[in-house]
Every structure is written in C-alpha cells, then in structure tokens.
Amino acid sequence: MTIYQHPEFNGNGANDGDGFADRFGQSSEKVRREFGENFGENHTKEKIIEIMREKPTVSAKIITEIINITPRGVEKNISELKISGLIDRVGPPKGGRWVVKS
C-alpha cells in the first residue's frame, strides 16, 4: 500500500478534508515545543565528542555504528563541530586523530 492508497488520503495524495493534515501539523508543533527545534541534535554531537575523547583515532564509520545514525548524519555533525571550533582533525584522513578542544 502506498501513502496515496492509505485511507487518510484521497487518490491524488491530497488531504481528503478529514483534518489529518491539521492533526499532523499540531503533533509536529507539540514535539517541537516539548523537545526543541533541534530535537536530538545536541545529544548526537555530545556523543560524538565523547567517543572522540575516548578514542581519538576513531573513524566516522565506527561512530556511525556506535551511535546508530546514518553516515551522512555523522558527517554533518562532525562538519558542524569543526566549524564551531570544538574539534579538529590532525593528520591524514586515514591514520589521523581527532582533537577535542573543549
């Protein structure tokens, strides 16, 4: 069954007027209000920093496996940590190490 075949939607994928889109929007707003706009992001960065402190030679692939997020998610978080000046990479891509600055 595709989303368009689901009873909450009519044949063209648009809301069929039963208020589903309104309820979904309210649920999303409630999550943002209760957990913040960037739900989960701070904890992910904290976990990455903790892993890098414990094992400075850790690879992004291993971080992905440890915290169970996508490789792209790890890359994005590492990039943001570098830009914010919290971490740095010393040495070559293979064989280098992470330096946690704070």
C-alpha atoms as a PDB file:
ATOM      1  CA  MET A   1       0.000   0.000   0.000  1.00  0.00           C
ATOM      2  CA  THR A   2       1.357   3.401  -0.909  1.00  0.00           C
ATOM      3  CA  ILE A   3       0.636   6.535   1.075  1.00  0.00           C
ATOM      4  CA  TYR A   4      -1.857   7.529  -1.613  1.00  0.00           C
ATOM      5  CA  GLN A   5      -3.807   4.316  -1.036  1.00  0.00           C
ATOM      6  CA  HIS A   6      -3.940   4.905   2.711  1.00  0.00           C
ATOM      7  CA  PRO A   7      -7.438   5.779   3.967  1.00  0.00           C
ATOM      8  CA  GLU A   8      -6.232   9.141   5.324  1.00  0.00           C
ATOM      9  CA  PHE A   9      -5.584  10.348   1.773  1.00  0.00           C
ATOM     10  CA  ASN A  10      -7.672  10.546  -1.375  1.00  0.00           C
ATOM     11  CA  GLY A  11      -6.462   9.265  -4.752  1.00  0.00           C
ATOM     12  CA  ASN A  12      -4.237  12.248  -5.605  1.00  0.00           C
ATOM     13  CA  GLY A  13      -2.347  12.307  -2.332  1.00  0.00           C
ATOM     14  CA  ALA A  14      -4.028  15.433  -1.034  1.00  0.00           C
ATOM     15  CA  ASN A  15      -5.808  15.560   2.292  1.00  0.00           C
ATOM     16  CA  ASP A  16      -9.402  14.424   1.926  1.00  0.00           C
ATOM     17  CA  GLY A  17     -10.734  17.066   4.309  1.00  0.00           C
ATOM     18  CA  ASP A  18     -10.936  14.960   7.463  1.00  0.00           C
ATOM     19  CA  GLY A  19      -8.372  17.094   9.283  1.00  0.00           C
ATOM     20  CA  PHE A  20      -5.399  14.723   9.007  1.00  0.00           C
ATOM     21  CA  ALA A  21      -3.011  17.462   7.855  1.00  0.00           C
ATOM     22  CA  ASP A  22      -4.160  19.718  10.674  1.00  0.00           C
ATOM     23  CA  ARG A  23      -3.672  16.953  13.262  1.00  0.00           C
ATOM     24  CA  PHE A  24      -0.257  16.105  11.848  1.00  0.00           C
ATOM     25  CA  GLY A  25       0.813  19.755  11.972  1.00  0.00           C
ATOM     26  CA  GLN A  26      -0.359  20.033  15.566  1.00  0.00           C
ATOM     27  CA  SER A  27       1.541  16.887  16.540  1.00  0.00           C
ATOM     28  CA  SER A  28       4.716  18.203  14.913  1.00  0.00           C
ATOM     29  CA  GLU A  29       4.312  21.525  16.685  1.00  0.00           C
ATOM     30  CA  LYS A  30       3.821  19.757  20.013  1.00  0.00           C
ATOM     31  CA  VAL A  31       7.056  17.782  19.533  1.00  0.00           C
ATOM     32  CA  ARG A  32       8.976  20.955  18.646  1.00  0.00           C
ATOM     33  CA  ARG A  33       7.513  22.778  21.652  1.00  0.00           C
ATOM     34  CA  GLU A  34       8.298  19.947  24.094  1.00  0.00           C
ATOM     35  CA  PHE A  35      11.698  18.910  22.778  1.00  0.00           C
ATOM     36  CA  GLY A  36      13.018  21.978  20.985  1.00  0.00           C
ATOM     37  CA  GLU A  37      13.518  22.777  17.322  1.00  0.00           C
ATOM     38  CA  ASN A  38      16.670  20.685  17.008  1.00  0.00           C
ATOM     39  CA  PHE A  39      15.387  17.599  18.805  1.00  0.00           C
ATOM     40  CA  GLY A  40      18.193  15.095  19.331  1.00  0.00           C
ATOM     41  CA  GLU A  41      20.952  17.045  17.652  1.00  0.00           C
ATOM     42  CA  ASN A  42      22.741  18.202  20.799  1.00  0.00           C
ATOM     43  CA  HIS A  43      22.869  14.713  22.212  1.00  0.00           C
ATOM     44  CA  THR A  44      24.311  13.375  18.970  1.00  0.00           C
ATOM     45  CA  LYS A  45      27.094  15.942  18.996  1.00  0.00           C
ATOM     46  CA  GLU A  46      27.781  15.218  22.661  1.00  0.00           C
ATOM     47  CA  LYS A  47      28.031  11.503  21.919  1.00  0.00           C
ATOM     48  CA  ILE A  48      30.404  12.135  19.012  1.00  0.00           C
ATOM     49  CA  ILE A  49      32.648  14.318  21.185  1.00  0.00           C
ATOM     50  CA  GLU A  50      32.629  11.711  23.956  1.00  0.00           C
ATOM     51  CA  ILE A  51      33.629   8.972  21.508  1.00  0.00           C
ATOM     52  CA  MET A  52      36.414  11.145  20.070  1.00  0.00           C
ATOM     53  CA  ARG A  53      37.754  11.868  23.566  1.00  0.00           C
ATOM     54  CA  GLU A  54      37.830   8.173  24.431  1.00  0.00           C
ATOM     55  CA  LYS A  55      39.392   7.101  21.139  1.00  0.00           C
ATOM     56  CA  PRO A  56      40.922   9.955  19.095  1.00  0.00           C
ATOM     57  CA  THR A  57      41.709   7.657  16.149  1.00  0.00           C
ATOM     58  CA  VAL A  58      38.072   6.593  15.695  1.00  0.00           C
ATOM     59  CA  SER A  59      36.677   6.712  12.159  1.00  0.00           C
ATOM     60  CA  ALA A  60      33.376   8.245  11.101  1.00  0.00           C
ATOM     61  CA  LYS A  61      32.252   4.757  10.078  1.00  0.00           C
ATOM     62  CA  ILE A  62      32.781   3.431  13.603  1.00  0.00           C
ATOM     63  CA  ILE A  63      30.964   6.460  15.081  1.00  0.00           C
ATOM     64  CA  THR A  64      28.050   5.646  12.768  1.00  0.00           C
ATOM     65  CA  GLU A  65      27.923   2.107  14.130  1.00  0.00           C
ATOM     66  CA  ILE A  66      28.228   3.182  17.778  1.00  0.00           C
ATOM     67  CA  ILE A  67      25.514   5.844  17.839  1.00  0.00           C
ATOM     68  CA  ASN A  68      23.359   4.247  15.155  1.00  0.00           C
ATOM     69  CA  ILE A  69      22.785   7.169  12.796  1.00  0.00           C
ATOM     70  CA  THR A  70      23.423   7.432   9.078  1.00  0.00           C
ATOM     71  CA  PRO A  71      26.907   8.103   7.709  1.00  0.00           C
ATOM     72  CA  ARG A  72      25.595  11.405   6.340  1.00  0.00           C
ATOM     73  CA  GLY A  73      24.322  12.323   9.798  1.00  0.00           C
ATOM     74  CA  VAL A  74      27.757  11.692  11.294  1.00  0.00           C
ATOM     75  CA  GLU A  75      29.455  13.700   8.524  1.00  0.00           C
ATOM     76  CA  LYS A  76      27.053  16.611   9.044  1.00  0.00           C
ATOM     77  CA  ASN A  77      27.559  16.647  12.816  1.00  0.00           C
ATOM     78  CA  ILE A  78      31.352  16.380  12.502  1.00  0.00           C
ATOM     79  CA  SER A  79      31.346  19.241   9.994  1.00  0.00           C
ATOM     80  CA  GLU A  80      29.292  21.412  12.353  1.00  0.00           C
ATOM     81  CA  LEU A  81      31.604  20.553  15.269  1.00  0.00           C
ATOM     82  CA  LYS A  82      34.638  21.548  13.154  1.00  0.00           C
ATOM     83  CA  ILE A  83      33.021  24.826  12.086  1.00  0.00           C
ATOM     84  CA  SER A  84      32.121  25.662  15.686  1.00  0.00           C
ATOM     85  CA  GLY A  85      35.754  25.047  16.689  1.00  0.00           C
ATOM     86  CA  LEU A  86      35.016  22.216  19.110  1.00  0.00           C
ATOM     87  CA  ILE A  87      37.027  19.574  17.244  1.00  0.00           C
ATOM     88  CA  ASP A  88      39.844  19.389  14.753  1.00  0.00           C
ATOM     89  CA  ARG A  89      41.393  16.641  12.673  1.00  0.00           C
ATOM     90  CA  VAL A  90      45.176  16.179  12.852  1.00  0.00           C
ATOM     91  CA  GLY A  91      46.994  14.053  10.309  1.00  0.00           C
ATOM     92  CA  PRO A  92      45.807  12.292   7.180  1.00  0.00           C
ATOM     93  CA  PRO A  93      42.223  11.097   6.655  1.00  0.00           C
ATOM     94  CA  LYS A  94      43.374   7.539   7.314  1.00  0.00           C
ATOM     95  CA  GLY A  95      45.691   7.321  10.288  1.00  0.00           C
ATOM     96  CA  GLY A  96      44.934  10.753  11.739  1.00  0.00           C
ATOM     97  CA  ARG A  97      43.279  11.602  15.016  1.00  0.00           C
ATOM     98  CA  TRP A  98      40.611  13.853  16.454  1.00  0.00           C
ATOM     99  CA  VAL A  99      41.426  16.669  18.839  1.00  0.00           C
ATOM    100  CA  VAL A 100      38.565  17.773  21.099  1.00  0.00           C
ATOM    101  CA  LYS A 101      39.205  21.404  22.016  1.00  0.00           C
ATOM    102  CA  SER A 102      36.743  21.849  24.837  1.00  0.00           C
END
